Amino acid sequence: MLRFVVNAQLITVLAEDDCTMIINPALEEGSDEKAQVSPHHMADIVSVGWDEAESCKHVTKKVVTDFLRKYIIYRFGVPETLITDNAKNLNNDMVDGLCEQFKIKYQNFTIYRPQMNGAVEATNKNLKSIIRKMTERHRDWHEKLPYALMAYRTTIRTSTGATLYNLMYGMEAVLPAEVEIPSLLILMEAKLDETDWIKQRHEQLALIDEKRLNAICHGQCYQKRMARAYNKMVKV
């Protein structure tokens, strides 16, 4: 399975099991400075753990290149930097050609990197847990992947205090169940005319950067609380 993750520290992560690809880190490791945002690099402005995934039988170099085009470049814009480990399906002439075509900087990192691997493992764990609850036969897990991704994106995360969808688009997603049984959100928007809806959407987009900063602050406070709780259990 190929995955794409957008994170505060690791803007884009593409993974095949333990094989990780990082694209455009927002913050350099060990740096306290804020990342500079480029308006034509969509991935740069995202500060959440957004996840893109695709199931595939074999992760070949063509599959990786097509995934980069379809799920990253054509959806989020051209990233500034592509960072991968030394896996052969990530280091080849096709990926090199793609980077040269779109003027993407290409870098390698060592396989062991706790800041990156930890984010990938946490997302893998959550997605596997969701898929495991949805599947009846192990052979049909790939059919449940889109539903698992939607559930993961529309669930409020403890670490950020918000859903990934809200942090990405500035609004909550309309779930299929809300259409079948109209929710308060559906009923309220049904009463809005086009002018009021556009005004409301503009206000949501104007607050999106503030929401993302709040999510980062919330995440930092959450990490400190977890560290304090862990340190209390450690005997010196």
Protein backbone atom coordinates (compact mmCIF):
# COMPACT_ATOMS: atom_id res chain seq x y z
CA MET A 1 0.00 0.00 0.00
CA LEU A 2 1.23 3.49 -0.85
CA ARG A 3 0.45 6.30 1.54
CA PHE A 4 0.71 10.09 1.53
CA VAL A 5 0.69 11.95 4.84
CA VAL A 6 0.73 15.68 5.55
CA ASN A 7 2.10 16.55 8.97
CA ALA A 8 3.31 19.58 10.92
CA GLN A 9 6.91 18.38 10.82
CA LEU A 10 6.71 15.91 7.92
CA ILE A 11 4.66 17.64 5.27
CA THR A 12 4.35 14.62 3.01
CA VAL A 13 4.95 10.98 3.73
CA LEU A 14 4.60 8.26 1.11
CA ALA A 15 5.03 4.81 2.54
CA GLU A 16 5.06 1.19 1.52
CA ASP A 17 5.07 -0.76 4.79
CA ASP A 18 8.40 0.28 6.36
CA CYS A 19 9.56 2.13 3.25
CA THR A 20 9.03 5.87 3.73
CA MET A 21 9.07 8.84 1.40
CA ILE A 22 8.97 12.38 2.83
CA ILE A 23 8.07 15.29 0.62
CA ASN A 24 8.62 18.94 1.54
CA PRO A 25 9.21 19.02 5.31
CA ALA A 26 7.64 22.17 6.76
CA LEU A 27 10.19 22.33 9.56
CA GLU A 28 13.80 21.22 9.30
CA GLU A 29 14.95 18.88 12.02
CA GLY A 30 16.39 20.82 14.98
CA SER A 31 15.18 24.19 13.68
CA ASP A 32 13.03 26.56 15.74
CA GLU A 33 12.24 28.83 12.83
CA LYS A 34 8.84 28.79 11.12
CA ALA A 35 8.73 27.45 7.58
CA GLN A 36 8.30 29.97 4.76
CA VAL A 37 5.10 29.32 2.80
CA SER A 38 5.10 29.51 -0.98
CA PRO A 39 1.63 30.21 -2.48
CA HIS A 40 2.13 27.83 -5.43
CA HIS A 41 3.24 24.92 -3.23
CA MET A 42 -0.04 23.64 -1.81
CA ALA A 43 1.66 21.03 0.38
CA ASP A 44 3.61 23.76 2.20
CA ILE A 45 0.56 25.38 3.77
CA VAL A 46 -0.81 22.21 5.31
CA SER A 47 0.00 21.55 8.96
CA VAL A 48 -2.05 18.43 9.58
CA GLY A 49 -1.58 14.69 9.21
CA TRP A 50 -3.55 14.34 5.95
CA ASP A 51 -3.29 10.88 4.46
CA GLU A 52 -3.55 9.66 0.88
CA ALA A 53 -3.37 5.94 0.16
CA GLU A 54 -3.74 3.48 -2.69
CA SER A 55 -3.70 -0.31 -2.59
CA CYS A 56 -1.48 -2.07 -5.14
CA LYS A 57 -0.26 -5.61 -5.66
CA HIS A 58 3.39 -4.69 -6.27
CA VAL A 59 5.03 -1.36 -5.46
CA THR A 60 7.14 -0.93 -8.57
CA LYS A 61 8.92 2.22 -9.67
CA LYS A 62 6.10 2.94 -12.14
CA VAL A 63 3.49 2.61 -9.38
CA VAL A 64 5.47 5.03 -7.20
CA THR A 65 5.86 7.56 -10.03
CA ASP A 66 2.17 7.36 -10.98
CA PHE A 67 1.22 7.77 -7.33
CA LEU A 68 3.36 10.90 -7.03
CA ARG A 69 1.73 12.40 -10.10
CA LYS A 70 -1.86 11.44 -9.37
CA TYR A 71 -2.12 11.83 -5.60
CA ILE A 72 0.46 14.52 -4.86
CA ILE A 73 1.42 16.76 -7.77
CA TYR A 74 -1.98 16.85 -9.52
CA ARG A 75 -3.86 17.18 -6.23
CA PHE A 76 -1.69 19.33 -3.94
CA GLY A 77 0.68 21.02 -6.36
CA VAL A 78 4.39 20.59 -6.99
CA PRO A 79 6.36 20.04 -3.76
CA GLU A 80 9.69 21.74 -3.26
CA THR A 81 11.58 18.73 -1.90
CA LEU A 82 11.30 14.95 -2.15
CA ILE A 83 13.09 13.00 0.59
CA THR A 84 13.22 9.20 0.45
CA ASP A 85 15.21 6.33 1.87
CA ASN A 86 17.38 4.09 -0.32
CA ALA A 87 14.69 1.67 -1.51
CA LYS A 88 15.07 0.75 -5.17
CA ASN A 89 11.47 1.55 -6.05
CA LEU A 90 12.03 5.08 -4.70
CA ASN A 91 15.48 5.62 -6.20
CA ASN A 92 15.37 5.03 -9.95
CA ASP A 93 15.39 6.73 -13.33
CA MET A 94 11.60 7.26 -13.41
CA VAL A 95 11.50 9.12 -10.08
CA ASP A 96 14.61 11.06 -11.08
CA GLY A 97 12.91 12.03 -14.34
CA LEU A 98 9.78 13.16 -12.51
CA CYS A 99 11.84 15.34 -10.14
CA GLU A 100 13.75 16.83 -13.06
CA GLN A 101 10.54 17.53 -14.98
CA PHE A 102 8.86 19.39 -12.11
CA LYS A 103 12.08 20.93 -10.65
CA ILE A 104 11.71 19.01 -7.37
CA LYS A 105 14.77 18.77 -5.12
CA TYR A 106 15.64 15.15 -4.33
CA GLN A 107 17.29 13.99 -1.11
CA ASN A 108 17.91 10.72 0.76
CA PHE A 109 17.79 10.01 4.47
CA THR A 110 18.72 7.00 6.58
CA ILE A 111 16.13 4.30 7.21
CA TYR A 112 16.15 4.95 10.97
CA ARG A 113 14.75 8.38 11.71
CA PRO A 114 12.42 8.46 14.77
CA GLN A 115 10.66 11.75 13.89
CA MET A 116 9.57 10.41 10.49
CA ASN A 117 9.12 6.73 11.23
CA GLY A 118 7.04 7.51 14.32
CA ALA A 119 4.53 9.55 12.32
CA VAL A 120 4.23 6.82 9.70
CA GLU A 121 3.82 4.05 12.27
CA ALA A 122 1.14 5.99 14.16
CA THR A 123 -0.90 6.54 10.99
CA ASN A 124 -0.41 2.93 9.88
CA LYS A 125 -1.64 1.75 13.27
CA ASN A 126 -4.80 3.88 13.08
CA LEU A 127 -5.63 2.88 9.51
CA LYS A 128 -5.04 -0.81 10.20
CA SER A 129 -7.28 -0.60 13.27
CA ILE A 130 -10.10 0.98 11.24
CA ILE A 131 -9.78 -1.49 8.34
CA ARG A 132 -9.66 -4.45 10.74
CA LYS A 133 -13.03 -3.43 12.20
CA MET A 134 -14.61 -3.03 8.77
CA THR A 135 -13.42 -6.17 6.99
CA GLU A 136 -15.11 -9.57 7.21
CA ARG A 137 -12.61 -11.37 4.97
CA HIS A 138 -8.93 -10.49 4.82
CA ARG A 139 -8.96 -10.55 1.02
CA ASP A 140 -11.34 -7.57 0.69
CA TRP A 141 -9.40 -5.08 2.86
CA HIS A 142 -8.45 -2.98 -0.18
CA GLU A 143 -12.15 -2.38 -0.90
CA LYS A 144 -12.56 -0.85 2.56
CA LEU A 145 -9.54 1.47 2.24
CA PRO A 146 -11.49 4.52 0.90
CA TYR A 147 -14.00 4.20 3.76
CA ALA A 148 -11.19 3.85 6.30
CA LEU A 149 -9.51 6.98 4.96
CA MET A 150 -12.75 8.95 5.19
CA ALA A 151 -13.30 7.78 8.76
CA TYR A 152 -9.72 8.72 9.66
CA ARG A 153 -10.04 12.19 8.08
CA THR A 154 -13.41 13.03 9.66
CA THR A 155 -12.69 11.89 13.22
CA ILE A 156 -11.50 14.42 15.79
CA ARG A 157 -7.93 13.60 16.82
CA THR A 158 -6.82 13.96 20.41
CA SER A 159 -3.45 15.37 19.35
CA THR A 160 -4.95 18.31 17.40
CA GLY A 161 -8.47 18.72 18.79
CA ALA A 162 -9.88 18.83 15.26
CA THR A 163 -10.57 16.65 12.23
CA LEU A 164 -8.06 16.42 9.38
CA TYR A 165 -10.77 17.44 6.92
CA ASN A 166 -11.48 20.66 8.82
CA LEU A 167 -7.80 21.57 9.04
CA MET A 168 -7.33 20.86 5.34
CA TYR A 169 -10.42 22.55 3.88
CA GLY A 170 -11.66 24.84 6.66
CA MET A 171 -15.01 23.05 7.01
CA GLU A 172 -16.38 19.71 8.11
CA ALA A 173 -17.15 17.01 5.56
CA VAL A 174 -20.75 16.07 4.81
CA LEU A 175 -20.98 12.39 5.67
CA PRO A 176 -23.26 9.99 3.74
CA ALA A 177 -25.26 9.32 6.90
CA GLU A 178 -26.01 13.06 7.23
CA VAL A 179 -27.72 13.03 3.85
CA GLU A 180 -29.85 9.99 4.61
CA ILE A 181 -30.82 11.39 8.03
CA PRO A 182 -30.39 15.20 7.74
CA SER A 183 -28.07 16.54 10.45
CA LEU A 184 -28.14 20.02 11.96
CA LEU A 185 -25.38 21.07 9.55
CA ILE A 186 -27.43 19.98 6.52
CA LEU A 187 -30.61 21.64 7.79
CA MET A 188 -28.81 24.92 8.50
CA GLU A 189 -27.10 25.08 5.11
CA ALA A 190 -30.34 24.22 3.32
CA LYS A 191 -31.78 27.52 4.57
CA LEU A 192 -28.87 29.61 3.22
CA ASP A 193 -29.15 31.30 -0.15
CA GLU A 194 -26.15 31.36 -2.48
CA THR A 195 -24.89 34.78 -1.30
CA ASP A 196 -24.96 33.82 2.38
CA TRP A 197 -23.30 30.47 1.66
CA ILE A 198 -20.45 32.16 -0.26
CA LYS A 199 -19.99 34.65 2.59
CA GLN A 200 -19.88 31.81 5.13
CA ARG A 201 -17.35 29.90 3.01
CA HIS A 202 -15.10 32.96 2.72
CA GLU A 203 -15.16 33.33 6.50
CA GLN A 204 -14.21 29.67 6.91
CA LEU A 205 -11.26 30.01 4.53
CA ALA A 206 -10.11 33.22 6.26
CA LEU A 207 -9.83 31.32 9.55
CA ILE A 208 -8.14 28.21 8.18
CA ASP A 209 -4.56 29.32 8.97
CA GLU A 210 -5.59 30.18 12.53
CA LYS A 211 -7.17 26.73 12.91
CA ARG A 212 -3.96 25.08 11.76
CA LEU A 213 -1.83 27.11 14.15
CA ASN A 214 -4.22 26.24 16.99
CA ALA A 215 -3.90 22.57 16.03
CA ILE A 216 -0.10 22.81 16.17
CA CYS A 217 -0.23 24.50 19.60
CA HIS A 218 -2.75 21.90 20.78
CA GLY A 219 -0.44 19.14 19.56
CA GLN A 220 2.57 20.62 21.36
CA CYS A 221 0.61 20.88 24.61
CA TYR A 222 -0.60 17.30 24.13
CA GLN A 223 2.95 16.05 23.65
CA LYS A 224 4.09 17.86 26.81
CA ARG A 225 1.24 16.29 28.80
CA MET A 226 2.13 12.85 27.48
CA ALA A 227 5.81 13.41 28.29
CA ARG A 228 4.98 14.48 31.86
CA ALA A 229 2.74 11.44 32.35
CA TYR A 230 5.44 9.14 30.99
CA ASN A 231 8.18 10.73 33.11
CA LYS A 232 6.13 10.17 36.27
CA MET A 233 6.20 6.44 35.62
CA VAL A 234 9.95 6.35 35.05
CA LYS A 235 12.00 5.61 38.16
CA VAL A 236 15.33 7.40 38.33
